[in-house]
Amino acid sequence: MSGDAAPEQPFLRVVRGDATPEEVAALVAVLGSLGPAEPARARRTPEWSAHHRKVRRPLAHGPGGWRSSGLPQ
């Protein structure tokens, strides 16, 4: 290690109360076992709000147009 490294900060500091060494050791063990936080996963865009669902084909005009508007093509 290099000699110009800053001194390490304590892992845990008791601010209020009088914790026993066993209690502090148990707390350090639990917090140390948690490990680093996982990065947030990218959220998928739900299919129901997808842009292509907002756009529809034009409705047919003329006789029978209302009937053909509900038929699959």
C-alpha atoms as a PDB file:
ATOM      1  CA  MET A   1       0.000   0.000   0.000  1.00  0.00           C
ATOM      2  CA  SER A   2       1.104   3.562  -0.528  1.00  0.00           C
ATOM      3  CA  GLY A   3       2.020   5.784   2.402  1.00  0.00           C
ATOM      4  CA  ASP A   4      -0.261   8.659   1.323  1.00  0.00           C
ATOM      5  CA  ALA A   5      -3.526   6.715   1.775  1.00  0.00           C
ATOM      6  CA  ALA A   6      -6.148   8.383   3.967  1.00  0.00           C
ATOM      7  CA  PRO A   7      -6.980   6.637   7.246  1.00  0.00           C
ATOM      8  CA  GLU A   8      -9.978   4.329   7.008  1.00  0.00           C
ATOM      9  CA  GLN A   9     -13.297   5.419   8.423  1.00  0.00           C
ATOM     10  CA  PRO A  10     -14.863   3.071  10.992  1.00  0.00           C
ATOM     11  CA  PHE A  11     -17.329   0.571   9.534  1.00  0.00           C
ATOM     12  CA  LEU A  12     -19.848   1.261  12.286  1.00  0.00           C
ATOM     13  CA  ARG A  13     -20.198   3.854  14.997  1.00  0.00           C
ATOM     14  CA  VAL A  14     -22.539   3.658  18.010  1.00  0.00           C
ATOM     15  CA  VAL A  15     -24.114   7.091  18.418  1.00  0.00           C
ATOM     16  CA  ARG A  16     -26.540   6.512  21.256  1.00  0.00           C
ATOM     17  CA  GLY A  17     -26.869   3.779  23.861  1.00  0.00           C
ATOM     18  CA  ASP A  18     -24.336   1.340  25.230  1.00  0.00           C
ATOM     19  CA  ALA A  19     -23.980  -1.656  22.930  1.00  0.00           C
ATOM     20  CA  THR A  20     -21.997  -4.639  24.135  1.00  0.00           C
ATOM     21  CA  PRO A  21     -19.138  -5.919  21.979  1.00  0.00           C
ATOM     22  CA  GLU A  22     -21.241  -9.005  21.160  1.00  0.00           C
ATOM     23  CA  GLU A  23     -24.130  -6.848  19.915  1.00  0.00           C
ATOM     24  CA  VAL A  24     -21.802  -4.749  17.789  1.00  0.00           C
ATOM     25  CA  ALA A  25     -20.193  -7.903  16.380  1.00  0.00           C
ATOM     26  CA  ALA A  26     -23.613  -9.357  15.505  1.00  0.00           C
ATOM     27  CA  LEU A  27     -24.629  -6.122  13.796  1.00  0.00           C
ATOM     28  CA  VAL A  28     -21.384  -5.937  11.838  1.00  0.00           C
ATOM     29  CA  ALA A  29     -21.802  -9.582  10.759  1.00  0.00           C
ATOM     30  CA  VAL A  30     -25.335  -8.966   9.481  1.00  0.00           C
ATOM     31  CA  LEU A  31     -24.466  -5.730   7.674  1.00  0.00           C
ATOM     32  CA  GLY A  32     -21.304  -7.254   6.231  1.00  0.00           C
ATOM     33  CA  SER A  33     -23.203 -10.244   4.831  1.00  0.00           C
ATOM     34  CA  LEU A  34     -25.598  -8.050   2.860  1.00  0.00           C
ATOM     35  CA  GLY A  35     -23.001  -7.270   0.213  1.00  0.00           C
ATOM     36  CA  PRO A  36     -23.216  -4.613  -2.476  1.00  0.00           C
ATOM     37  CA  ALA A  37     -26.584  -3.556  -3.839  1.00  0.00           C
ATOM     38  CA  GLU A  38     -27.548  -4.931  -7.247  1.00  0.00           C
ATOM     39  CA  PRO A  39     -27.998  -2.410 -10.031  1.00  0.00           C
ATOM     40  CA  ALA A  40     -31.620  -1.736 -10.935  1.00  0.00           C
ATOM     41  CA  ARG A  41     -32.894  -3.793 -13.831  1.00  0.00           C
ATOM     42  CA  ALA A  42     -34.138  -1.964 -16.913  1.00  0.00           C
ATOM     43  CA  ARG A  43     -37.900  -1.764 -16.954  1.00  0.00           C
ATOM     44  CA  ARG A  44     -39.744  -3.148 -19.938  1.00  0.00           C
ATOM     45  CA  THR A  45     -42.386  -1.025 -21.592  1.00  0.00           C
ATOM     46  CA  PRO A  46     -45.698  -2.823 -21.090  1.00  0.00           C
ATOM     47  CA  GLU A  47     -47.267  -4.062 -24.304  1.00  0.00           C
ATOM     48  CA  TRP A  48     -50.628  -2.449 -23.575  1.00  0.00           C
ATOM     49  CA  SER A  49     -49.064   1.028 -23.692  1.00  0.00           C
ATOM     50  CA  ALA A  50     -46.857   0.380 -26.727  1.00  0.00           C
ATOM     51  CA  HIS A  51     -46.955   3.066 -29.409  1.00  0.00           C
ATOM     52  CA  HIS A  52     -47.948   0.745 -32.243  1.00  0.00           C
ATOM     53  CA  ARG A  53     -51.182  -0.096 -30.412  1.00  0.00           C
ATOM     54  CA  LYS A  54     -52.246   3.570 -30.487  1.00  0.00           C
ATOM     55  CA  VAL A  55     -52.159   3.648 -34.289  1.00  0.00           C
ATOM     56  CA  ARG A  56     -54.864   1.836 -36.243  1.00  0.00           C
ATOM     57  CA  ARG A  57     -55.706   1.370 -39.870  1.00  0.00           C
ATOM     58  CA  PRO A  58     -58.332   3.646 -41.372  1.00  0.00           C
ATOM     59  CA  LEU A  59     -61.920   2.477 -41.173  1.00  0.00           C
ATOM     60  CA  ALA A  60     -63.585   1.327 -44.371  1.00  0.00           C
ATOM     61  CA  HIS A  61     -66.191   3.669 -45.858  1.00  0.00           C
ATOM     62  CA  GLY A  62     -69.293   2.735 -47.777  1.00  0.00           C
ATOM     63  CA  PRO A  63     -71.855  -0.029 -47.527  1.00  0.00           C
ATOM     64  CA  GLY A  64     -70.864  -2.690 -44.992  1.00  0.00           C
ATOM     65  CA  GLY A  65     -68.016  -0.548 -43.637  1.00  0.00           C
ATOM     66  CA  TRP A  66     -69.145  -0.832 -40.053  1.00  0.00           C
ATOM     67  CA  ARG A  67     -69.253  -4.615 -40.379  1.00  0.00           C
ATOM     68  CA  SER A  68     -65.807  -4.887 -41.912  1.00  0.00           C
ATOM     69  CA  SER A  69     -64.310  -2.604 -39.244  1.00  0.00           C
ATOM     70  CA  GLY A  70     -64.590  -5.376 -36.651  1.00  0.00           C
ATOM     71  CA  LEU A  71     -63.293  -8.203 -38.808  1.00  0.00           C
ATOM     72  CA  PRO A  72     -59.656  -9.281 -38.627  1.00  0.00           C
ATOM     73  CA  GLN A  73     -57.571  -8.756 -41.734  1.00  0.00           C
END
